[in-house]
Protein backbone atom coordinates (compact mmCIF):
# COMPACT_ATOMS: atom_id res chain seq x y z
CA UNK A 1 94.13 88.07 -68.33
CA UNK A 2 94.39 85.77 -71.32
CA UNK A 3 96.92 83.08 -72.07
CA UNK A 4 100.06 83.58 -74.15
CA UNK A 5 100.17 81.35 -77.22
CA UNK A 6 102.57 80.76 -80.08
CA UNK A 7 101.33 81.90 -83.48
CA UNK A 8 101.94 78.80 -85.58
CA UNK A 9 99.30 79.21 -88.27
CA UNK A 10 99.02 81.89 -90.95
CA UNK A 11 95.71 82.90 -89.37
CA UNK A 12 97.29 83.39 -85.93
CA UNK A 13 100.21 85.32 -87.44
CA UNK A 14 97.86 87.63 -89.39
CA UNK A 15 95.90 88.32 -86.18
CA UNK A 16 99.07 89.76 -84.64
CA UNK A 17 99.67 92.35 -87.35
CA UNK A 18 97.59 95.20 -85.91
CA UNK A 19 99.50 95.14 -82.62
CA UNK A 20 102.92 94.59 -84.24
CA UNK A 21 102.24 97.63 -86.46
CA UNK A 22 102.38 99.83 -83.32
CA UNK A 23 106.07 98.90 -83.03
CA UNK A 24 106.88 98.33 -86.71
CA UNK A 25 104.72 100.83 -88.64
CA UNK A 26 106.74 100.30 -91.84
CA UNK A 27 105.35 96.75 -92.22
CA UNK A 28 102.55 96.03 -94.69
CA UNK A 29 99.67 93.76 -93.73
CA UNK A 30 99.83 91.92 -97.06
CA UNK A 31 103.52 91.01 -96.49
CA UNK A 32 103.37 90.26 -92.78
CA UNK A 33 102.67 86.51 -92.80
CA UNK A 34 105.35 85.84 -95.44
CA UNK A 35 107.92 87.87 -93.53
CA UNK A 36 107.17 86.05 -90.28
CA UNK A 37 107.35 82.68 -92.09
CA UNK A 38 110.76 83.61 -93.55
CA UNK A 39 112.01 84.49 -90.09
CA UNK A 40 110.54 81.30 -88.62
CA UNK A 41 112.83 79.36 -90.96
CA UNK A 42 115.68 81.03 -89.02
CA UNK A 43 114.30 80.14 -85.57
CA UNK A 44 112.04 83.15 -84.96
CA UNK A 45 108.86 82.52 -82.97
CA UNK A 46 105.86 84.80 -82.61
CA UNK A 47 103.85 84.79 -79.38
CA UNK A 48 100.65 86.66 -78.66
CA UNK A 49 98.37 87.42 -75.73
CA UNK A 50 94.64 87.70 -76.26
CA UNK A 51 92.38 89.43 -73.79
CA UNK A 52 88.76 88.59 -74.45
CA UNK A 53 88.71 88.37 -78.26
CA UNK A 54 91.49 90.75 -79.28
CA UNK A 55 95.27 90.35 -79.46
CA UNK A 56 96.68 92.84 -76.96
CA UNK A 57 100.41 92.01 -76.88
CA UNK A 58 102.85 90.41 -79.31
CA UNK A 59 106.45 89.23 -79.00
CA UNK A 60 108.83 87.93 -81.62
CA UNK A 61 111.84 86.06 -80.28
CA UNK A 62 114.47 83.41 -80.94
CA UNK A 63 116.54 81.04 -78.84
CA UNK A 64 120.17 80.98 -79.92
CA UNK A 65 123.71 80.27 -78.83
CA UNK A 66 126.11 83.20 -78.47
CA UNK A 67 129.76 83.20 -77.42
CA UNK A 68 129.18 86.25 -75.23
CA UNK A 69 126.20 84.92 -73.29
CA UNK A 70 125.73 81.21 -73.96
CA UNK A 71 122.24 79.96 -74.71
CA UNK A 72 119.96 82.99 -74.75
CA UNK A 73 116.44 84.02 -75.60
CA UNK A 74 116.64 87.21 -77.62
CA UNK A 75 113.48 89.29 -78.05
CA UNK A 76 113.31 90.90 -81.50
CA UNK A 77 109.92 92.53 -81.00
CA UNK A 78 107.80 93.21 -77.91
CA UNK A 79 104.76 95.44 -78.03
CA UNK A 80 101.40 95.98 -76.37
CA UNK A 81 98.49 97.59 -78.17
CA UNK A 82 98.78 101.34 -77.49
CA UNK A 83 95.18 101.47 -76.24
CA UNK A 84 95.77 98.61 -73.76
CA UNK A 85 99.04 99.64 -72.09
CA UNK A 86 99.56 99.74 -68.31
CA UNK A 87 97.02 96.95 -67.76
CA UNK A 88 99.55 94.17 -67.09
CA UNK A 89 99.65 92.69 -70.60
CA UNK A 90 103.29 93.62 -71.23
CA UNK A 91 104.34 92.18 -67.87
CA UNK A 92 102.41 88.98 -68.58
CA UNK A 93 104.19 88.64 -71.92
CA UNK A 94 107.61 89.42 -70.43
CA UNK A 95 107.05 86.88 -67.64
CA UNK A 96 105.97 84.25 -70.20
CA UNK A 97 109.06 84.92 -72.34
CA UNK A 98 111.37 84.55 -69.36
CA UNK A 99 109.73 81.28 -68.35
CA UNK A 100 110.01 80.04 -71.94
CA UNK A 101 113.73 80.93 -71.78
CA UNK A 102 114.19 79.00 -68.53
CA UNK A 103 112.42 75.90 -69.82
CA UNK A 104 114.48 76.13 -73.03
CA UNK A 105 117.70 75.96 -71.03
CA UNK A 106 118.69 79.58 -71.59
CA UNK A 107 121.30 81.21 -69.39
CA UNK A 108 120.32 84.75 -70.39
CA UNK A 109 117.41 86.80 -71.66
CA UNK A 110 117.88 89.99 -73.67
CA UNK A 111 116.34 92.54 -75.99
CA UNK A 112 117.20 95.79 -77.71
CA UNK A 113 114.98 98.85 -77.41
CA UNK A 114 115.05 101.97 -79.55
CA UNK A 115 116.53 104.99 -77.80
CA UNK A 116 113.30 106.95 -78.31
CA UNK A 117 111.14 104.43 -76.38
CA UNK A 118 111.52 105.94 -72.89
CA UNK A 119 108.24 104.49 -71.58
CA UNK A 120 109.35 101.01 -72.59
CA UNK A 121 112.70 101.58 -70.87
CA UNK A 122 110.97 102.58 -67.65
CA UNK A 123 108.98 99.32 -67.86
CA UNK A 124 112.14 97.24 -68.41
CA UNK A 125 113.87 98.91 -65.46
CA UNK A 126 110.83 98.18 -63.25
CA UNK A 127 111.16 94.56 -64.34
CA UNK A 128 114.78 94.55 -63.10
CA UNK A 129 116.37 94.52 -66.53
CA UNK A 130 119.59 96.48 -66.96
CA UNK A 131 121.43 98.16 -69.82
CA UNK A 132 124.40 95.89 -70.51
CA UNK A 133 125.65 97.10 -73.90
CA UNK A 134 125.12 99.45 -76.81
CA UNK A 135 123.77 98.21 -80.14
CA UNK A 136 125.38 99.80 -83.18
CA UNK A 137 123.87 99.67 -86.66
CA UNK A 138 124.49 100.99 -90.15
CA UNK A 139 122.14 101.05 -93.12
CA UNK A 140 123.79 99.40 -96.13
CA UNK A 141 121.36 100.45 -98.88
């Protein structure tokens, strides 16, 4: 199993696109680096796991303060390449994120997951995560 790294260069960010596209198929490769850079200005970080030579898992996250939970690591995006699932890459990334949260002084760790992603939910339950709230959204355009 490879090592999780932070994507700090444009080259590293671009390498993550193919895996991120499994979760966010509406994204365009030519816009990806700029969008990640814009989010980085707001505290977003992008982490990736390489196995051999290919990126196999990607996570976008931010550490923030919230009245409800205190200092928390919130995962915006977490995805494993569809052809490499159930090989431990998602667990390795989740474990790395939780350790990053601990060393960053976070009291909590959380993420949202689309209601249609039942396989992901089964994974989160196996990892002892629990449903603690509903997320409501409304499109404004």
